[in-house]
Amino acid sequence: MGFICFKCNHSFGNVSSLLAHFRRDHSLVDGCNLKCRQGSCAIEYSKFNSFGVHLRTKHYQDELENSA
């Protein structure tokens, strides 16, 4: 499945690539709403670190599928 960008729906193979995409292509910074769109998850974070931890711990299977 990959990690989905909530802004443009592009899929990324790992969390780091998704977070870099947010910063580079959408100019998102800490303090903005970062929305999880993995499956039916709809949680929101305002910090990149917290969002990355969420993706890596709650949706780690999506990253494993991409590395297989």
C-alpha atoms as a PDB file:
ATOM      1  CA  MET A   1       0.000   0.000   0.000  1.00  0.00           C
ATOM      2  CA  GLY A   2       2.723   2.509   0.883  1.00  0.00           C
ATOM      3  CA  PHE A   3       2.302   5.712   2.835  1.00  0.00           C
ATOM      4  CA  ILE A   4      -0.302   8.060   1.375  1.00  0.00           C
ATOM      5  CA  CYS A   5      -0.001  11.852   1.136  1.00  0.00           C
ATOM      6  CA  PHE A   6      -3.226  13.411   2.402  1.00  0.00           C
ATOM      7  CA  LYS A   7      -2.693  16.431   0.133  1.00  0.00           C
ATOM      8  CA  CYS A   8      -2.181  14.795  -3.279  1.00  0.00           C
ATOM      9  CA  ASN A   9      -2.759  11.047  -2.696  1.00  0.00           C
ATOM     10  CA  HIS A  10       0.715  10.033  -3.930  1.00  0.00           C
ATOM     11  CA  SER A  11       2.074   6.877  -2.317  1.00  0.00           C
ATOM     12  CA  PHE A  12       5.563   6.598  -0.799  1.00  0.00           C
ATOM     13  CA  GLY A  13       7.532   3.486   0.105  1.00  0.00           C
ATOM     14  CA  ASN A  14       8.677   4.692   3.512  1.00  0.00           C
ATOM     15  CA  VAL A  15       7.860   7.259   6.167  1.00  0.00           C
ATOM     16  CA  SER A  16      10.971   9.360   5.576  1.00  0.00           C
ATOM     17  CA  SER A  17      10.079   9.843   1.918  1.00  0.00           C
ATOM     18  CA  LEU A  18       6.538  10.895   2.818  1.00  0.00           C
ATOM     19  CA  LEU A  19       7.728  13.426   5.402  1.00  0.00           C
ATOM     20  CA  ALA A  20      10.304  14.850   2.974  1.00  0.00           C
ATOM     21  CA  HIS A  21       7.549  15.142   0.352  1.00  0.00           C
ATOM     22  CA  PHE A  22       5.378  17.123   2.801  1.00  0.00           C
ATOM     23  CA  ARG A  23       8.175  19.602   3.418  1.00  0.00           C
ATOM     24  CA  ARG A  24       9.446  19.856  -0.161  1.00  0.00           C
ATOM     25  CA  ASP A  25       6.302  19.695  -2.280  1.00  0.00           C
ATOM     26  CA  HIS A  26       3.635  21.057   0.040  1.00  0.00           C
ATOM     27  CA  SER A  27       5.750  23.389   2.215  1.00  0.00           C
ATOM     28  CA  LEU A  28       4.314  21.865   5.389  1.00  0.00           C
ATOM     29  CA  VAL A  29       6.038  22.670   8.676  1.00  0.00           C
ATOM     30  CA  ASP A  30       5.581  21.772  12.338  1.00  0.00           C
ATOM     31  CA  GLY A  31       2.388  23.357  13.611  1.00  0.00           C
ATOM     32  CA  CYS A  32       0.268  22.504  10.576  1.00  0.00           C
ATOM     33  CA  ASN A  33      -2.216  19.621  10.573  1.00  0.00           C
ATOM     34  CA  LEU A  34      -0.676  16.370   9.353  1.00  0.00           C
ATOM     35  CA  LYS A  35      -3.428  13.893   8.581  1.00  0.00           C
ATOM     36  CA  CYS A  36      -3.024  10.121   8.532  1.00  0.00           C
ATOM     37  CA  ARG A  37      -4.839   8.472   5.647  1.00  0.00           C
ATOM     38  CA  GLN A  38      -3.614   4.911   6.058  1.00  0.00           C
ATOM     39  CA  GLY A  39      -6.646   2.696   5.597  1.00  0.00           C
ATOM     40  CA  SER A  40      -9.474   4.081   7.723  1.00  0.00           C
ATOM     41  CA  CYS A  41      -7.170   5.955  10.127  1.00  0.00           C
ATOM     42  CA  ALA A  42      -7.995   9.643  10.398  1.00  0.00           C
ATOM     43  CA  ILE A  43      -5.787  10.816  13.274  1.00  0.00           C
ATOM     44  CA  GLU A  44      -4.087  14.220  13.004  1.00  0.00           C
ATOM     45  CA  TYR A  45      -0.794  15.525  14.382  1.00  0.00           C
ATOM     46  CA  SER A  46       0.830  18.943  14.424  1.00  0.00           C
ATOM     47  CA  LYS A  47       4.443  17.740  14.685  1.00  0.00           C
ATOM     48  CA  PHE A  48       6.397  15.764  12.089  1.00  0.00           C
ATOM     49  CA  ASN A  49       8.113  13.678  14.772  1.00  0.00           C
ATOM     50  CA  SER A  50       4.836  12.575  16.373  1.00  0.00           C
ATOM     51  CA  PHE A  51       3.313  11.846  12.986  1.00  0.00           C
ATOM     52  CA  GLY A  52       6.344   9.802  11.917  1.00  0.00           C
ATOM     53  CA  VAL A  53       6.256   7.797  15.158  1.00  0.00           C
ATOM     54  CA  HIS A  54       2.550   7.103  14.602  1.00  0.00           C
ATOM     55  CA  LEU A  55       3.152   5.852  11.054  1.00  0.00           C
ATOM     56  CA  ARG A  56       6.116   3.703  12.062  1.00  0.00           C
ATOM     57  CA  THR A  57       4.356   2.112  15.043  1.00  0.00           C
ATOM     58  CA  LYS A  58       0.707   1.868  13.963  1.00  0.00           C
ATOM     59  CA  HIS A  59       1.178   1.333  10.240  1.00  0.00           C
ATOM     60  CA  TYR A  60       4.568  -0.423  10.137  1.00  0.00           C
ATOM     61  CA  GLN A  61       3.000  -3.203   8.044  1.00  0.00           C
ATOM     62  CA  ASP A  62       2.641  -0.757   5.125  1.00  0.00           C
ATOM     63  CA  GLU A  63       6.402  -0.187   5.131  1.00  0.00           C
ATOM     64  CA  LEU A  64       7.104  -3.921   5.422  1.00  0.00           C
ATOM     65  CA  GLU A  65       4.894  -4.626   2.392  1.00  0.00           C
ATOM     66  CA  ASN A  66       6.933  -2.168   0.326  1.00  0.00           C
ATOM     67  CA  SER A  67      10.258  -3.756   1.263  1.00  0.00           C
ATOM     68  CA  ALA A  68       9.170  -7.293   0.382  1.00  0.00           C
END
